[in-house]
Amino acid sequence: MTDRCNLKIASPCRQLCALASDGVCLGCGRTRAEIAIWTSSPAWQQRDIVSAANRRLVERRAALAKSEPSPAE
């Protein structure tokens, strides 16, 4: 029986690869280092990477939304 905790997960890459000045991909939210180690990382680390990447994307979107001017009422 295969342990589900050890199964590798699909790459979060969205084929929208563009690194921002802080080294974070604008497409998937992973850092340059996380992208580099993805294929050799165990499943638990891949889950941690995906979680951190998702958090970064949410934070980036919130910051962008906050910086956009409000529509005139």
N, C-alpha and C. Protein backbone atom coordinates (compact mmCIF):
# COMPACT_ATOMS: atom_id res chain seq x y z
N MET A 1 0.84 -1.18 0.00
CA MET A 1 0.00 0.00 0.00
C MET A 1 0.89 1.25 0.00
N THR A 2 0.57 2.18 -0.86
CA THR A 2 1.36 3.40 -0.97
C THR A 2 0.92 4.40 0.08
N ASP A 3 1.88 4.99 0.73
CA ASP A 3 1.60 6.02 1.72
C ASP A 3 1.32 7.32 0.99
N ARG A 4 0.11 7.85 1.15
CA ARG A 4 -0.29 9.08 0.46
C ARG A 4 0.61 10.26 0.83
N CYS A 5 1.17 10.25 2.01
CA CYS A 5 2.01 11.36 2.45
C CYS A 5 3.31 11.44 1.65
N ASN A 6 3.71 10.34 1.03
CA ASN A 6 4.97 10.32 0.29
C ASN A 6 4.79 10.52 -1.21
N LEU A 7 3.54 10.65 -1.68
CA LEU A 7 3.31 10.83 -3.11
C LEU A 7 3.72 12.25 -3.52
N LYS A 8 4.46 12.33 -4.60
CA LYS A 8 4.83 13.65 -5.13
C LYS A 8 3.56 14.33 -5.64
N ILE A 9 3.55 15.63 -5.58
CA ILE A 9 2.39 16.36 -6.05
C ILE A 9 2.74 17.09 -7.34
N ALA A 10 1.72 17.46 -8.09
CA ALA A 10 1.93 18.12 -9.37
C ALA A 10 2.59 19.48 -9.16
N SER A 11 3.42 19.84 -10.07
CA SER A 11 4.08 21.14 -10.01
C SER A 11 3.03 22.25 -10.09
N PRO A 12 3.19 23.30 -9.29
CA PRO A 12 2.24 24.41 -9.36
C PRO A 12 2.50 25.36 -10.54
N CYS A 13 3.49 25.04 -11.36
CA CYS A 13 3.83 25.88 -12.50
C CYS A 13 2.61 26.07 -13.40
N ARG A 14 2.36 27.32 -13.79
CA ARG A 14 1.22 27.64 -14.65
C ARG A 14 1.67 28.07 -16.04
N GLN A 15 2.95 27.86 -16.33
CA GLN A 15 3.53 28.26 -17.61
C GLN A 15 3.40 29.77 -17.84
N LEU A 16 3.41 30.53 -16.76
CA LEU A 16 3.39 31.99 -16.80
C LEU A 16 4.65 32.50 -16.09
N CYS A 17 5.76 31.92 -16.45
CA CYS A 17 7.01 32.16 -15.73
C CYS A 17 7.56 33.56 -15.97
N ALA A 18 7.62 34.31 -14.89
CA ALA A 18 8.23 35.64 -14.90
C ALA A 18 8.62 35.95 -13.47
N LEU A 19 9.91 36.11 -13.24
CA LEU A 19 10.37 36.40 -11.88
C LEU A 19 10.32 37.90 -11.62
N ALA A 20 9.71 38.26 -10.50
CA ALA A 20 9.68 39.66 -10.07
C ALA A 20 11.05 40.02 -9.50
N SER A 21 11.24 41.28 -9.18
CA SER A 21 12.53 41.73 -8.66
C SER A 21 12.91 41.06 -7.34
N ASP A 22 11.91 40.55 -6.62
CA ASP A 22 12.19 39.85 -5.35
C ASP A 22 12.48 38.37 -5.55
N GLY A 23 12.53 37.90 -6.81
CA GLY A 23 12.86 36.51 -7.10
C GLY A 23 11.69 35.56 -6.99
N VAL A 24 10.47 36.09 -6.93
CA VAL A 24 9.27 35.26 -6.84
C VAL A 24 8.59 35.23 -8.20
N CYS A 25 8.20 34.03 -8.63
CA CYS A 25 7.52 33.88 -9.91
C CYS A 25 6.12 34.48 -9.82
N LEU A 26 5.77 35.31 -10.79
CA LEU A 26 4.46 35.95 -10.81
C LEU A 26 3.36 34.96 -11.20
N GLY A 27 3.73 33.85 -11.82
CA GLY A 27 2.74 32.85 -12.22
C GLY A 27 2.36 31.89 -11.11
N CYS A 28 3.36 31.32 -10.43
CA CYS A 28 3.08 30.28 -9.43
C CYS A 28 3.37 30.70 -8.00
N GLY A 29 4.12 31.78 -7.81
CA GLY A 29 4.41 32.26 -6.46
C GLY A 29 5.61 31.62 -5.78
N ARG A 30 6.29 30.71 -6.49
CA ARG A 30 7.48 30.09 -5.89
C ARG A 30 8.69 30.98 -6.05
N THR A 31 9.63 30.83 -5.12
CA THR A 31 10.89 31.55 -5.23
C THR A 31 11.79 30.81 -6.22
N ARG A 32 12.83 31.49 -6.65
CA ARG A 32 13.81 30.86 -7.55
C ARG A 32 14.37 29.58 -6.92
N ALA A 33 14.68 29.62 -5.63
CA ALA A 33 15.23 28.45 -4.93
C ALA A 33 14.22 27.31 -4.89
N GLU A 34 12.96 27.63 -4.65
CA GLU A 34 11.92 26.59 -4.59
C GLU A 34 11.72 25.93 -5.95
N ILE A 35 11.79 26.72 -7.00
CA ILE A 35 11.67 26.17 -8.36
C ILE A 35 12.83 25.21 -8.62
N ALA A 36 14.02 25.61 -8.21
CA ALA A 36 15.22 24.80 -8.46
C ALA A 36 15.19 23.46 -7.75
N ILE A 37 14.62 23.40 -6.54
CA ILE A 37 14.64 22.15 -5.77
C ILE A 37 13.37 21.32 -5.93
N TRP A 38 12.40 21.80 -6.69
CA TRP A 38 11.09 21.14 -6.76
C TRP A 38 11.18 19.65 -7.06
N THR A 39 11.85 19.28 -8.13
CA THR A 39 11.84 17.87 -8.55
C THR A 39 12.55 16.94 -7.59
N SER A 40 13.47 17.45 -6.80
CA SER A 40 14.18 16.59 -5.85
C SER A 40 13.60 16.67 -4.43
N SER A 41 12.55 17.45 -4.25
CA SER A 41 11.96 17.62 -2.92
C SER A 41 11.00 16.49 -2.59
N PRO A 42 10.98 16.05 -1.33
CA PRO A 42 9.99 15.06 -0.91
C PRO A 42 8.60 15.70 -0.89
N ALA A 43 7.57 14.88 -0.86
CA ALA A 43 6.20 15.37 -0.93
C ALA A 43 5.88 16.38 0.16
N TRP A 44 6.35 16.13 1.39
CA TRP A 44 6.03 17.07 2.48
C TRP A 44 6.60 18.45 2.18
N GLN A 45 7.79 18.50 1.57
CA GLN A 45 8.40 19.78 1.26
C GLN A 45 7.67 20.45 0.09
N GLN A 46 7.24 19.65 -0.87
CA GLN A 46 6.47 20.20 -1.99
C GLN A 46 5.17 20.83 -1.48
N ARG A 47 4.52 20.16 -0.53
CA ARG A 47 3.29 20.74 0.05
C ARG A 47 3.60 22.05 0.75
N ASP A 48 4.69 22.12 1.48
CA ASP A 48 5.09 23.36 2.15
C ASP A 48 5.37 24.47 1.13
N ILE A 49 6.02 24.10 0.04
CA ILE A 49 6.34 25.07 -1.01
C ILE A 49 5.05 25.61 -1.63
N VAL A 50 4.12 24.72 -1.94
CA VAL A 50 2.85 25.15 -2.54
C VAL A 50 2.09 26.07 -1.59
N SER A 51 2.08 25.72 -0.32
CA SER A 51 1.40 26.55 0.68
C SER A 51 2.01 27.95 0.75
N ALA A 52 3.33 28.01 0.81
CA ALA A 52 4.01 29.30 0.88
C ALA A 52 3.80 30.09 -0.42
N ALA A 53 3.84 29.40 -1.55
CA ALA A 53 3.65 30.07 -2.84
C ALA A 53 2.25 30.66 -2.95
N ASN A 54 1.25 29.90 -2.52
CA ASN A 54 -0.12 30.40 -2.55
C ASN A 54 -0.27 31.62 -1.65
N ARG A 55 0.35 31.59 -0.49
CA ARG A 55 0.30 32.73 0.42
C ARG A 55 0.93 33.96 -0.24
N ARG A 56 2.07 33.76 -0.90
CA ARG A 56 2.73 34.89 -1.58
C ARG A 56 1.84 35.49 -2.67
N LEU A 57 1.17 34.62 -3.44
CA LEU A 57 0.30 35.11 -4.51
C LEU A 57 -0.86 35.92 -3.94
N VAL A 58 -1.46 35.43 -2.87
CA VAL A 58 -2.57 36.14 -2.22
C VAL A 58 -2.09 37.50 -1.71
N GLU A 59 -0.94 37.51 -1.05
CA GLU A 59 -0.40 38.77 -0.52
C GLU A 59 -0.07 39.75 -1.65
N ARG A 60 0.49 39.25 -2.74
CA ARG A 60 0.84 40.12 -3.87
C ARG A 60 -0.42 40.71 -4.50
N ARG A 61 -1.45 39.87 -4.68
CA ARG A 61 -2.71 40.37 -5.26
C ARG A 61 -3.36 41.41 -4.36
N ALA A 62 -3.32 41.17 -3.05
CA ALA A 62 -3.90 42.13 -2.10
C ALA A 62 -3.15 43.46 -2.16
N ALA A 63 -1.84 43.40 -2.25
CA ALA A 63 -1.03 44.62 -2.32
C ALA A 63 -1.32 45.38 -3.62
N LEU A 64 -1.47 44.64 -4.71
CA LEU A 64 -1.78 45.29 -5.99
C LEU A 64 -3.16 45.94 -5.95
N ALA A 65 -4.13 45.23 -5.38
CA ALA A 65 -5.48 45.77 -5.29
C ALA A 65 -5.51 47.02 -4.43
N LYS A 66 -4.73 47.02 -3.38
CA LYS A 66 -4.67 48.17 -2.47
C LYS A 66 -4.03 49.38 -3.14
N SER A 67 -3.09 49.14 -4.04
CA SER A 67 -2.38 50.24 -4.69
C SER A 67 -3.12 50.81 -5.89
N GLU A 68 -4.14 50.09 -6.38
CA GLU A 68 -4.91 50.59 -7.52
C GLU A 68 -5.87 51.68 -7.05
N PRO A 69 -6.04 52.71 -7.87
CA PRO A 69 -6.98 53.77 -7.48
C PRO A 69 -8.42 53.24 -7.47
N SER A 70 -9.21 53.77 -6.56
CA SER A 70 -10.61 53.38 -6.47
C SER A 70 -11.38 53.99 -7.63
N PRO A 71 -12.37 53.25 -8.15
CA PRO A 71 -13.18 53.82 -9.23
C PRO A 71 -13.99 55.01 -8.69
N ALA A 72 -14.15 56.02 -9.52
CA ALA A 72 -14.91 57.21 -9.11
C ALA A 72 -16.38 56.83 -8.93
N GLU A 73 -16.95 57.36 -7.90
CA GLU A 73 -18.37 57.05 -7.63
C GLU A 73 -19.25 58.09 -8.25
